[in-house]
Amino acid sequence: MQFDFHSTRSVLVERGGAAHLAKRIQERGGKSALIITDPGVLSAGLLNQSLPQFKELSIVLGIFSDVQADPPISVIDGAVKAAQECRADFIVGFGGGSSMDVAKLVALLASGKERLSEVYGVGMAKGPRLPLILVPTTAGTGSEVTTISIVTVSESEKKGVVSPQLLPDVALLDAELTLGLPAHVTAATGIDAMVHAIEAFTTRRLKNPVSDCLAKEALRLLAGNLHQAVQVGGDIVARENMLLGACLAGMAFTNAPVAGVHALAYPIGARFHVPHGLSNSLMLAPVMRFNLEIAHSMYAELGKIIKPGLGGSSVEQAKQLVQYLGGLAGELGLPERLADVGIVSTDIDQLASDAMLQTRLLINSPREITLNDAAVLYREAL
């Protein structure tokens, strides 16, 4: 047995911990910081608890709040410029996956020693980078503990930068920041995190005992708390369990990479601007059904965690799990079909063609997905 496991150096779980963000920066020698976030986080007042301490500790602070979902290159460039202009010696990503992904790249690129066009792919980013703290405000992407940043490079394509250099110094998990999440966002990001764990556990490449343990515990926390978090948004225990579950799923999939669900979800997000978690949710059941003949024993093992009480053979248990997950989106009030997000049959061939560009993900699929397979899967989800 041989494997290499990477994760964030320090994971701090602390309710109300965001109020002490400046102190965490000062403890690590920071004197000036750039917080990278999005307009929604800013307008919701999620930074309000954090800002006073920066003034108290005389830490120079800049805020870049122009992050958008599926961030394009222009957003990365703008944030890098902001970091350089305020001479930040510390970068903070505060928000959902997009804000954290941008922050990782800014920490890497602000020194000017590497260019974005040079670091796409696996292991191309060498560093060094600026010190980095990531503070998630959704329980979904797990970006605070992953080696990956995703950039939208055209209307039809996303590219990944994958390197241990992107792991932050600190991941700060403050469940209080997630209390105001709307039910539909809670549902979509929660399913997204479940997809991360499911694909990490069933990946064809780099699956290992540590990632397996993390994936299973992530699913225990996520499946056990998702409905409560959606239905009773103020339940801090459910929120914290979701946040930790998403983090553990992130640890799992950054070492045992995701596969077909993500490969087919990315074109949906890039072309139709469907949120990433919802894109994954829409493709989850079709891809799992496609993988059944090869992955049924692994799915059955996960079924015991996600939906205890499944009966019959491993194939039957796996089918029951897929049926349950296929109905989960509708049960939680999310769109269930591609048609519900504006996709029509004439879009299928283009989506399938786009999905074939995701070679970094397709090679991890338990069962090979061809161009024709992708088209069939999209039609099934339509």
Protein backbone atom coordinates (compact mmCIF):
# COMPACT_ATOMS: atom_id res chain seq x y z
CA MET A 1 0.00 0.00 0.00
CA GLN A 2 1.26 3.47 -0.88
CA PHE A 3 -0.53 6.82 -0.83
CA ASP A 4 0.17 10.49 -0.17
CA PHE A 5 -2.34 12.41 1.94
CA HIS A 6 -2.52 16.24 2.03
CA SER A 7 -4.67 18.49 4.16
CA THR A 8 -4.90 21.96 5.69
CA ARG A 9 -2.39 22.52 8.48
CA SER A 10 -4.89 23.81 11.04
CA VAL A 11 -8.67 23.36 11.17
CA LEU A 12 -10.27 25.55 13.83
CA VAL A 13 -13.89 24.79 14.73
CA GLU A 14 -15.25 27.63 16.85
CA ARG A 15 -18.72 29.13 17.09
CA GLY A 16 -18.27 32.89 16.84
CA GLY A 17 -14.67 32.37 15.77
CA ALA A 18 -14.96 34.82 12.87
CA ALA A 19 -14.98 37.68 15.41
CA HIS A 20 -11.36 36.81 16.20
CA LEU A 21 -10.13 36.61 12.61
CA ALA A 22 -7.77 39.59 13.02
CA LYS A 23 -6.23 37.98 16.09
CA ARG A 24 -5.51 34.80 14.10
CA ILE A 25 -3.76 36.93 11.50
CA GLN A 26 -1.75 38.87 14.11
CA GLU A 27 -0.69 35.61 15.78
CA ARG A 28 0.85 34.58 12.48
CA GLY A 29 2.71 37.83 11.93
CA GLY A 30 0.25 39.54 9.59
CA LYS A 31 0.15 43.34 9.49
CA SER A 32 -2.04 43.94 6.43
CA ALA A 33 -4.76 41.75 4.99
CA LEU A 34 -7.11 41.50 2.03
CA ILE A 35 -10.47 39.84 2.63
CA ILE A 36 -11.89 38.31 -0.56
CA THR A 37 -15.64 37.82 -0.56
CA ASP A 38 -18.81 38.37 -2.60
CA PRO A 39 -21.53 41.05 -2.56
CA GLY A 40 -24.03 38.73 -0.87
CA VAL A 41 -21.77 38.03 2.10
CA LEU A 42 -21.06 41.74 2.42
CA SER A 43 -24.71 42.84 2.25
CA ALA A 44 -25.78 40.09 4.68
CA GLY A 45 -23.45 41.59 7.27
CA LEU A 46 -21.48 38.38 7.79
CA LEU A 47 -18.24 40.37 8.08
CA ASN A 48 -19.61 42.71 10.73
CA GLN A 49 -18.36 40.64 13.66
CA SER A 50 -14.88 40.38 12.16
CA LEU A 51 -14.11 43.98 11.20
CA PRO A 52 -13.82 45.79 14.58
CA GLN A 53 -10.85 43.71 15.73
CA PHE A 54 -8.80 44.71 12.68
CA LYS A 55 -9.02 48.32 13.83
CA GLU A 56 -8.29 47.39 17.45
CA LEU A 57 -5.14 45.51 16.46
CA SER A 58 -4.06 48.10 13.84
CA ILE A 59 -4.06 45.60 11.01
CA VAL A 60 -4.45 47.36 7.65
CA LEU A 61 -7.47 45.90 5.90
CA GLY A 62 -8.68 45.84 2.31
CA ILE A 63 -11.88 44.17 1.12
CA PHE A 64 -12.40 42.80 -2.40
CA SER A 65 -16.09 41.93 -2.75
CA ASP A 66 -16.51 41.42 -6.49
CA VAL A 67 -16.39 37.61 -6.49
CA GLN A 68 -19.13 35.99 -8.54
CA ALA A 69 -20.22 32.36 -8.83
CA ASP A 70 -18.01 30.32 -11.16
CA PRO A 71 -15.39 33.10 -11.11
CA PRO A 72 -13.93 34.08 -14.49
CA ILE A 73 -10.31 35.06 -15.08
CA SER A 74 -11.20 38.77 -14.84
CA VAL A 75 -12.25 38.35 -11.19
CA ILE A 76 -8.98 36.61 -10.34
CA ASP A 77 -7.02 39.40 -12.03
CA GLY A 78 -8.99 42.09 -10.19
CA ALA A 79 -8.45 40.46 -6.82
CA VAL A 80 -4.71 40.02 -7.44
CA LYS A 81 -4.48 43.71 -8.31
CA ALA A 82 -6.34 44.61 -5.11
CA ALA A 83 -3.92 42.52 -3.03
CA GLN A 84 -0.93 44.20 -4.65
CA GLU A 85 -2.36 47.70 -4.25
CA CYS A 86 -3.01 47.29 -0.51
CA ARG A 87 0.30 45.45 -0.06
CA ALA A 88 -1.45 42.62 1.72
CA ASP A 89 0.78 40.21 3.58
CA PHE A 90 -2.18 37.99 4.44
CA ILE A 91 -5.11 36.79 2.32
CA VAL A 92 -8.51 35.77 3.70
CA GLY A 93 -11.16 33.95 1.67
CA PHE A 94 -14.51 34.59 3.37
CA GLY A 95 -17.61 33.10 1.75
CA GLY A 96 -18.64 30.17 -0.39
CA GLY A 97 -16.46 28.04 -2.62
CA SER A 98 -15.97 30.74 -5.24
CA SER A 99 -14.59 33.28 -2.74
CA MET A 100 -12.27 30.67 -1.24
CA ASP A 101 -11.09 29.49 -4.66
CA VAL A 102 -10.29 33.08 -5.68
CA ALA A 103 -8.46 33.70 -2.40
CA LYS A 104 -6.26 30.65 -2.91
CA LEU A 105 -5.22 31.85 -6.34
CA VAL A 106 -4.63 35.42 -5.14
CA ALA A 107 -2.36 34.15 -2.36
CA LEU A 108 -0.43 32.25 -5.02
CA LEU A 109 -0.33 34.92 -7.73
CA ALA A 110 0.01 38.21 -5.80
CA SER A 111 3.80 37.93 -5.64
CA GLY A 112 3.93 38.06 -9.44
CA LYS A 113 6.20 35.01 -9.63
CA GLU A 114 3.58 32.83 -11.32
CA ARG A 115 0.85 33.56 -13.85
CA LEU A 116 -2.59 31.99 -13.90
CA SER A 117 -2.13 30.73 -17.46
CA GLU A 118 0.95 28.79 -16.31
CA VAL A 119 -0.58 26.92 -13.37
CA TYR A 120 -3.66 25.17 -14.77
CA GLY A 121 -3.55 21.42 -14.23
CA VAL A 122 -2.11 19.17 -11.56
CA GLY A 123 1.08 20.17 -9.75
CA MET A 124 1.91 23.14 -11.95
CA ALA A 125 1.62 25.74 -9.16
CA LYS A 126 4.88 25.69 -7.21
CA GLY A 127 4.53 28.73 -4.97
CA PRO A 128 5.48 30.38 -2.74
CA ARG A 129 2.22 31.98 -1.69
CA LEU A 130 1.08 34.56 0.84
CA PRO A 131 -0.27 33.29 4.19
CA LEU A 132 -3.91 32.28 3.82
CA ILE A 133 -6.97 31.78 6.02
CA LEU A 134 -10.23 30.42 4.60
CA VAL A 135 -13.59 30.97 6.30
CA PRO A 136 -16.52 29.09 4.69
CA THR A 137 -20.02 30.54 4.97
CA THR A 138 -21.73 27.56 3.33
CA ALA A 139 -21.49 23.86 4.12
CA GLY A 140 -20.75 22.52 0.66
CA THR A 141 -17.56 22.88 -1.31
CA GLY A 142 -15.00 21.99 1.36
CA SER A 143 -12.68 24.38 -0.48
CA GLU A 144 -11.08 25.33 2.84
CA VAL A 145 -9.29 21.96 2.90
CA THR A 146 -8.75 21.22 -0.79
CA THR A 147 -5.81 21.64 -3.12
CA ILE A 148 -8.11 22.80 -5.93
CA SER A 149 -9.32 26.11 -7.35
CA ILE A 150 -11.74 26.21 -10.26
CA VAL A 151 -11.72 29.02 -12.85
CA THR A 152 -14.26 29.61 -15.64
CA VAL A 153 -12.06 30.19 -18.68
CA SER A 154 -14.81 30.46 -21.33
CA GLU A 155 -18.58 30.21 -21.63
CA SER A 156 -18.25 26.45 -21.95
CA GLU A 157 -15.20 25.43 -19.96
CA LYS A 158 -13.83 25.44 -16.45
CA LYS A 159 -10.21 24.66 -15.60
CA GLY A 160 -8.68 23.60 -12.33
CA VAL A 161 -5.48 24.60 -10.58
CA VAL A 162 -4.48 21.65 -8.40
CA SER A 163 -1.53 21.91 -6.02
CA PRO A 164 -0.78 21.43 -2.30
CA GLN A 165 0.35 25.08 -2.43
CA LEU A 166 -3.34 26.04 -2.43
CA LEU A 167 -4.00 24.52 0.99
CA PRO A 168 -4.48 27.38 3.47
CA ASP A 169 -2.67 27.83 6.77
CA VAL A 170 -5.96 27.85 8.66
CA ALA A 171 -9.52 26.75 7.92
CA LEU A 172 -11.85 28.54 10.33
CA LEU A 173 -15.22 26.82 10.71
CA ASP A 174 -17.71 29.12 12.44
CA ALA A 175 -21.19 27.60 12.21
CA GLU A 176 -22.80 30.89 13.23
CA LEU A 177 -21.93 32.23 9.76
CA THR A 178 -24.21 29.62 8.17
CA LEU A 179 -27.32 30.31 10.27
CA GLY A 180 -28.76 32.75 7.74
CA LEU A 181 -28.40 30.49 4.70
CA PRO A 182 -31.70 30.12 2.80
CA ALA A 183 -33.19 26.62 2.73
CA HIS A 184 -32.54 26.09 -1.01
CA VAL A 185 -28.85 27.05 -0.63
CA THR A 186 -28.50 24.80 2.41
CA ALA A 187 -30.02 21.93 0.42
CA ALA A 188 -27.91 22.39 -2.72
CA THR A 189 -24.61 22.87 -0.90
CA GLY A 190 -25.39 19.95 1.39
CA ILE A 191 -26.00 17.60 -1.53
CA ASP A 192 -22.83 18.96 -3.15
CA ALA A 193 -20.85 17.90 -0.07
CA MET A 194 -22.48 14.46 -0.16
CA VAL A 195 -21.46 14.08 -3.81
CA HIS A 196 -17.86 14.89 -2.83
CA ALA A 197 -17.87 12.10 -0.26
CA ILE A 198 -19.63 9.57 -2.52
CA GLU A 199 -17.25 10.18 -5.43
CA ALA A 200 -14.17 10.14 -3.17
CA PHE A 201 -15.22 6.76 -1.79
CA THR A 202 -15.83 5.26 -5.24
CA THR A 203 -13.06 6.95 -7.26
CA ARG A 204 -10.95 4.76 -9.51
CA ARG A 205 -7.70 6.55 -8.68
CA LEU A 206 -5.98 7.35 -5.36
CA LYS A 207 -8.72 5.93 -3.11
CA ASN A 208 -7.08 5.15 0.24
CA PRO A 209 -8.00 4.14 3.83
CA VAL A 210 -7.76 7.70 5.19
CA SER A 211 -9.97 9.22 2.49
CA ASP A 212 -12.44 6.34 2.95
CA CYS A 213 -12.76 7.03 6.69
CA LEU A 214 -13.25 10.73 6.06
CA ALA A 215 -15.83 10.14 3.33
CA LYS A 216 -17.91 7.81 5.50
CA GLU A 217 -17.86 10.12 8.53
CA ALA A 218 -18.70 13.05 6.26
CA LEU A 219 -21.75 11.19 4.96
CA ARG A 220 -22.83 10.26 8.49
CA LEU A 221 -22.80 13.93 9.48
CA LEU A 222 -24.30 15.23 6.23
CA ALA A 223 -27.07 12.70 5.71
CA GLY A 224 -27.92 12.81 9.41
CA ASN A 225 -28.32 16.59 9.56
CA LEU A 226 -29.30 17.80 6.07
CA HIS A 227 -33.07 17.71 6.53
CA GLN A 228 -32.88 19.38 9.94
CA ALA A 229 -30.57 22.12 8.65
CA VAL A 230 -32.91 22.80 5.72
CA GLN A 231 -36.12 22.73 7.77
CA VAL A 232 -34.85 24.41 10.97
CA GLY A 233 -32.22 26.85 9.75
CA GLY A 234 -31.46 28.16 13.23
CA ASP A 235 -30.37 24.78 14.63
CA ILE A 236 -26.73 25.53 15.41
CA VAL A 237 -25.88 21.87 16.11
CA ALA A 238 -27.21 20.75 12.72
CA ARG A 239 -25.43 23.67 11.04
CA GLU A 240 -22.13 22.81 12.72
CA ASN A 241 -22.44 19.14 11.79
CA MET A 242 -23.09 20.12 8.16
CA LEU A 243 -20.07 22.45 8.15
CA LEU A 244 -17.80 19.77 9.61
CA GLY A 245 -19.24 17.14 7.26
CA ALA A 246 -18.51 19.31 4.23
CA CYS A 247 -14.98 19.88 5.53
CA LEU A 248 -14.33 16.15 5.96
CA ALA A 249 -15.73 15.46 2.50
CA GLY A 250 -13.33 18.11 1.16
CA MET A 251 -10.41 16.38 2.87
CA ALA A 252 -11.50 13.11 1.30
CA PHE A 253 -11.92 14.27 -2.28
CA THR A 254 -8.81 16.42 -2.44
CA ASN A 255 -6.87 13.18 -1.95
CA ALA A 256 -9.24 10.71 -3.67
CA PRO A 257 -10.53 12.85 -6.55
CA VAL A 258 -14.10 13.26 -7.75
CA ALA A 259 -15.26 11.86 -11.06
CA GLY A 260 -18.20 11.57 -13.44
CA VAL A 261 -20.84 13.55 -11.56
CA HIS A 262 -18.54 16.57 -11.46
CA ALA A 263 -17.38 16.10 -15.04
CA LEU A 264 -20.98 16.31 -16.26
CA ALA A 265 -21.96 19.04 -13.78
CA TYR A 266 -19.26 21.53 -14.81
CA PRO A 267 -20.67 22.23 -18.31
CA ILE A 268 -24.11 22.84 -16.78
CA GLY A 269 -22.62 25.48 -14.51
CA ALA A 270 -20.41 27.03 -17.18
CA ARG A 271 -23.06 27.30 -19.92
CA PHE A 272 -26.24 27.83 -17.92
CA HIS A 273 -24.88 29.44 -14.73
CA VAL A 274 -26.53 26.83 -12.56
CA PRO A 275 -24.97 26.80 -9.05
CA HIS A 276 -22.38 24.06 -8.69
CA GLY A 277 -24.17 22.18 -5.92
CA LEU A 278 -27.40 22.07 -7.90
CA SER A 279 -25.55 20.93 -11.04
CA ASN A 280 -24.08 18.04 -9.06
CA SER A 281 -27.47 17.22 -7.59
CA LEU A 282 -29.06 17.01 -11.04
CA MET A 283 -26.46 14.54 -12.35
CA LEU A 284 -25.93 12.43 -9.21
CA ALA A 285 -28.54 9.70 -9.70
CA PRO A 286 -28.00 9.17 -13.46
CA VAL A 287 -24.23 8.79 -13.01
CA MET A 288 -24.64 6.49 -9.99
CA ARG A 289 -27.05 4.28 -12.00
CA PHE A 290 -24.48 4.20 -14.81
CA ASN A 291 -21.78 3.05 -12.34
CA LEU A 292 -23.91 0.43 -10.59
CA GLU A 293 -22.51 -2.65 -12.29
CA ILE A 294 -18.99 -1.79 -11.11
CA ALA A 295 -19.55 0.24 -7.93
CA HIS A 296 -22.59 -1.50 -6.36
CA SER A 297 -20.68 -2.98 -3.41
CA MET A 298 -19.23 0.43 -2.51
CA TYR A 299 -22.61 2.10 -2.92
CA ALA A 300 -24.17 -0.55 -0.66
CA GLU A 301 -21.57 0.20 2.00
CA LEU A 302 -22.40 3.91 1.82
CA GLY A 303 -26.11 3.11 1.82
CA LYS A 304 -25.82 1.70 5.34
CA ILE A 305 -24.66 5.17 6.44
CA ILE A 306 -26.88 7.40 4.30
CA LYS A 307 -30.09 5.38 4.55
CA PRO A 308 -29.86 2.75 7.33
CA GLY A 309 -32.18 -0.20 6.92
CA LEU A 310 -31.65 -0.91 3.23
CA GLY A 311 -32.19 -4.62 2.56
CA GLY A 312 -31.36 -7.33 0.05
CA SER A 313 -28.18 -8.00 -1.92
CA SER A 314 -25.51 -5.37 -2.42
CA VAL A 315 -26.94 -4.66 -5.88
CA GLU A 316 -30.43 -4.20 -4.46
CA GLN A 317 -29.12 -1.97 -1.65
CA ALA A 318 -27.19 0.12 -4.16
CA LYS A 319 -30.28 0.54 -6.33
CA GLN A 320 -32.33 1.59 -3.30
CA LEU A 321 -29.66 4.16 -2.40
CA VAL A 322 -29.67 5.61 -5.90
CA GLN A 323 -33.47 5.81 -5.84
CA TYR A 324 -33.35 7.63 -2.50
CA LEU A 325 -30.67 10.09 -3.63
CA GLY A 326 -32.52 10.65 -6.91
CA GLY A 327 -35.53 11.90 -4.96
CA LEU A 328 -33.57 13.94 -2.42
CA ALA A 329 -33.48 17.19 -4.41
CA GLY A 330 -37.25 17.25 -4.91
CA GLU A 331 -37.81 16.30 -1.27
CA LEU A 332 -35.77 19.37 -0.23
CA GLY A 333 -37.47 21.74 -2.67
CA LEU A 334 -34.77 21.85 -5.38
CA PRO A 335 -35.20 21.43 -9.15
CA GLU A 336 -35.10 17.75 -10.07
CA ARG A 337 -34.57 17.81 -13.85
CA LEU A 338 -32.30 19.65 -16.29
CA ALA A 339 -35.45 21.01 -17.94
CA ASP A 340 -36.23 22.79 -14.66
CA VAL A 341 -33.09 24.95 -15.07
CA GLY A 342 -33.70 25.85 -18.70
CA ILE A 343 -31.87 23.07 -20.52
CA VAL A 344 -33.57 21.58 -23.61
CA SER A 345 -32.87 18.52 -25.76
CA THR A 346 -30.97 20.51 -28.37
CA ASP A 347 -28.40 21.44 -25.71
CA ILE A 348 -27.46 17.83 -24.99
CA ASP A 349 -24.83 17.26 -27.68
CA GLN A 350 -22.98 20.45 -26.74
CA LEU A 351 -23.03 19.57 -23.05
CA ALA A 352 -21.72 16.08 -23.79
CA SER A 353 -18.94 17.52 -25.92
CA ASP A 354 -18.04 19.97 -23.13
CA ALA A 355 -17.98 17.17 -20.56
CA MET A 356 -15.38 15.29 -22.57
CA LEU A 357 -12.96 18.16 -21.91
CA GLN A 358 -12.99 17.27 -18.20
CA THR A 359 -10.31 14.61 -18.56
CA ARG A 360 -8.91 15.38 -15.09
CA LEU A 361 -12.21 14.12 -13.65
CA LEU A 362 -13.27 11.49 -16.18
CA ILE A 363 -10.20 9.36 -15.52
CA ASN A 364 -11.46 8.83 -11.96
CA SER A 365 -14.82 7.35 -12.95
CA PRO A 366 -15.36 3.74 -11.81
CA ARG A 367 -16.79 3.10 -15.28
CA GLU A 368 -15.48 4.80 -18.40
CA ILE A 369 -17.76 7.55 -19.71
CA THR A 370 -17.67 8.06 -23.49
CA LEU A 371 -19.14 10.94 -25.49
CA ASN A 372 -22.21 8.84 -26.28
CA ASP A 373 -22.55 7.82 -22.61
CA ALA A 374 -22.46 11.47 -21.55
CA ALA A 375 -25.24 12.34 -24.00
CA VAL A 376 -27.35 9.45 -22.72
CA LEU A 377 -26.82 10.55 -19.11
CA TYR A 378 -27.82 14.14 -19.88
CA ARG A 379 -30.96 12.90 -21.66
CA GLU A 380 -31.79 10.74 -18.67
CA ALA A 381 -31.50 13.82 -16.42
CA LEU A 382 -33.56 16.00 -18.78
